Protein backbone atom coordinates (compact mmCIF):
# COMPACT_ATOMS: atom_id res chain seq x y z
CA MET A 1 -36.02 -16.58 -11.34
CA GLN A 2 -32.92 -14.49 -10.63
CA GLN A 3 -33.31 -11.55 -8.28
CA ASP A 4 -31.11 -8.48 -7.97
CA ILE A 5 -29.29 -8.50 -4.65
CA VAL A 6 -27.82 -5.28 -3.23
CA LYS A 7 -25.40 -5.51 -0.32
CA VAL A 8 -26.35 -3.07 2.47
CA PHE A 9 -24.04 -2.75 5.46
CA PHE A 10 -25.67 -2.13 8.83
CA LYS A 11 -24.81 -1.42 12.44
CA GLN A 12 -27.00 -2.81 15.19
CA LEU A 13 -27.17 -0.23 17.98
CA PRO A 14 -27.04 -1.24 21.66
CA HIS A 15 -30.81 -0.93 22.19
CA GLY A 16 -31.39 -3.14 19.12
CA LYS A 17 -29.26 -6.04 20.35
CA GLY A 18 -31.14 -9.31 20.47
CA LEU A 19 -33.75 -8.26 17.90
CA PRO A 20 -33.88 -10.03 14.54
CA LEU A 21 -32.92 -8.05 11.47
CA PRO A 22 -35.68 -6.85 9.14
CA LYS A 23 -36.72 -9.65 6.83
CA TYR A 24 -39.03 -10.54 3.97
CA MET A 25 -42.00 -12.42 5.41
CA THR A 26 -42.85 -14.22 2.16
CA GLN A 27 -40.88 -15.18 -0.93
CA GLY A 28 -42.69 -12.62 -3.11
CA ALA A 29 -42.64 -9.72 -0.64
CA SER A 30 -41.07 -6.46 -1.80
CA GLY A 31 -40.85 -4.98 1.70
CA MET A 32 -39.04 -6.22 4.78
CA ASP A 33 -40.78 -5.93 8.13
CA ILE A 34 -38.83 -3.66 10.48
CA LEU A 35 -39.07 -4.02 14.25
CA ALA A 36 -39.49 -1.66 17.20
CA ALA A 37 -36.38 -1.39 19.37
CA VAL A 38 -38.19 0.19 22.30
CA MET A 39 -37.10 -0.80 25.79
CA ASP A 40 -40.55 -0.17 27.32
CA ASP A 41 -44.01 -0.27 25.77
CA VAL A 42 -45.05 2.90 23.94
CA SER A 43 -48.75 3.75 23.91
CA ILE A 44 -49.89 5.89 20.98
CA GLU A 45 -53.21 7.61 21.62
CA PRO A 46 -55.64 8.47 18.81
CA GLY A 47 -54.28 11.46 16.89
CA GLU A 48 -50.83 11.14 18.49
CA ILE A 49 -47.52 10.73 16.66
CA ALA A 50 -44.63 8.70 18.09
CA LEU A 51 -41.08 8.30 16.79
CA ILE A 52 -40.13 4.64 17.22
CA PRO A 53 -36.46 3.55 17.16
CA THR A 54 -35.39 0.47 15.21
CA GLY A 55 -31.90 -0.02 16.65
CA LEU A 56 -30.39 0.00 13.14
CA SER A 57 -28.13 2.32 11.16
CA VAL A 58 -27.41 1.49 7.54
CA ALA A 59 -25.04 2.40 4.70
CA ILE A 60 -27.26 2.49 1.63
CA PRO A 61 -25.32 2.38 -1.63
CA HIS A 62 -25.31 5.56 -3.76
CA GLY A 63 -28.16 5.42 -6.26
CA TYR A 64 -30.58 3.79 -3.81
CA GLU A 65 -32.91 4.81 -1.00
CA ILE A 66 -34.87 2.92 1.62
CA GLN A 67 -38.57 3.73 1.77
CA ILE A 68 -40.43 3.23 5.04
CA ARG A 69 -44.03 2.24 4.42
CA PRO A 70 -47.00 1.34 6.60
CA ARG A 71 -47.90 -2.27 7.29
CA SER A 72 -51.36 -2.82 5.84
CA GLY A 73 -52.56 -4.96 8.75
CA LEU A 74 -51.72 -2.28 11.33
CA ALA A 75 -53.31 0.40 9.16
CA VAL A 76 -56.57 -1.45 8.54
CA LYS A 77 -57.01 -3.08 11.96
CA HIS A 78 -55.73 -0.26 14.20
CA GLY A 79 -55.46 2.92 12.09
CA LEU A 80 -51.68 2.96 12.64
CA THR A 81 -49.68 4.31 9.73
CA VAL A 82 -46.39 6.01 8.88
CA VAL A 83 -46.94 9.73 9.29
CA ASN A 84 -44.76 10.74 6.31
CA ALA A 85 -45.50 7.69 4.17
CA PRO A 86 -43.42 6.75 2.47
CA GLY A 87 -40.54 7.92 4.61
CA THR A 88 -37.22 8.19 2.79
CA ILE A 89 -33.83 7.12 4.13
CA ASP A 90 -31.22 8.74 1.88
CA ALA A 91 -28.00 7.00 0.87
CA ASP A 92 -25.84 9.50 2.76
CA TYR A 93 -27.73 9.24 6.09
CA ARG A 94 -25.88 7.28 8.78
CA GLY A 95 -28.07 7.83 11.84
CA GLU A 96 -30.56 5.42 13.34
CA ILE A 97 -33.61 4.52 11.30
CA LYS A 98 -36.63 5.71 13.25
CA VAL A 99 -40.24 5.34 12.18
CA GLY A 100 -42.80 8.10 12.72
CA LEU A 101 -46.11 6.41 13.46
CA VAL A 102 -49.47 8.15 13.74
CA ASN A 103 -52.58 6.62 15.28
CA LEU A 104 -55.56 7.46 13.07
CA GLY A 105 -57.75 4.94 14.89
CA LYS A 106 -60.14 5.32 17.79
CA LYS A 107 -58.21 3.37 20.45
CA ASP A 108 -54.72 3.52 21.92
CA VAL A 109 -52.18 1.32 20.14
CA VAL A 110 -49.35 -0.16 22.20
CA ILE A 111 -45.97 -0.78 20.56
CA SER A 112 -43.80 -3.36 22.34
CA ARG A 113 -40.21 -4.41 21.83
CA GLY A 114 -39.87 -6.51 18.68
CA ASP A 115 -43.25 -5.54 17.19
CA ARG A 116 -43.29 -5.32 13.40
CA ILE A 117 -44.08 -1.63 12.93
CA ALA A 118 -43.45 -0.85 9.25
CA GLN A 119 -42.00 -2.15 6.01
CA MET A 120 -38.77 -1.05 4.41
CA VAL A 121 -38.22 -1.22 0.66
CA LEU A 122 -34.89 -0.68 -1.07
CA SER A 123 -35.52 1.37 -4.21
CA LYS A 124 -33.31 2.51 -7.05
CA VAL A 125 -33.13 6.29 -7.46
CA THR A 126 -33.12 7.92 -10.86
CA PHE A 127 -31.53 11.36 -10.89
CA ILE A 128 -32.91 14.35 -12.81
CA GLU A 129 -31.01 16.55 -15.22
CA TRP A 130 -33.10 19.69 -15.86
CA HIS A 131 -33.53 21.13 -19.38
CA GLN A 132 -35.48 24.36 -19.75
CA THR A 133 -37.79 24.76 -22.73
CA ALA A 134 -40.26 27.40 -23.92
CA GLU A 135 -43.00 24.83 -24.63
CA LEU A 136 -43.79 21.33 -23.38
CA PRO A 137 -45.03 18.54 -25.66
CA GLU A 138 -48.83 18.34 -25.91
CA THR A 139 -50.79 15.47 -24.30
CA GLU A 140 -54.45 14.49 -24.32
CA ARG A 141 -54.76 15.53 -20.66
CA GLY A 142 -52.95 18.83 -21.02
CA GLU A 143 -53.23 20.98 -17.89
CA GLY A 144 -56.19 19.08 -16.39
CA GLY A 145 -55.58 18.94 -12.63
CA PHE A 146 -57.25 17.53 -9.55
CA GLY A 147 -60.59 15.91 -10.34
CA HIS A 148 -60.42 16.75 -14.05
CA THR A 149 -61.86 13.34 -15.03
CA GLY A 150 -64.92 13.67 -12.79
CA THR A 151 -65.99 11.40 -9.91
């Protein structure tokens, strides 16, 4: 099966030297595990948010974004998730990728250098062209909002 490959240029920052690049952990994975480029352990207490550096800056091609998503194992086992999930890295951003983690669990979570802290997914962006209209096409749902289908 042929896969689309998009070339993304990166710069490894000094505090990221020696760490492996993000990679797909299985052949069918859509997200690459991204690592913590912390120099010392970071303890995240329950309810606390920490911004974790990755040691990477990237040049995402126009028409794409990188989404930063939680790792399911960290979320389920420790309550650790990405605070703004999914986080978006825009194509014109050239600063370091940092991951905002929040501890929703009951115990401190320690992040060490090289820990896999999140997943990054390269996604194609479709741009909107707005067209104003007096009426929208009807649908079966109509204006039914939150909880309109019951429990």
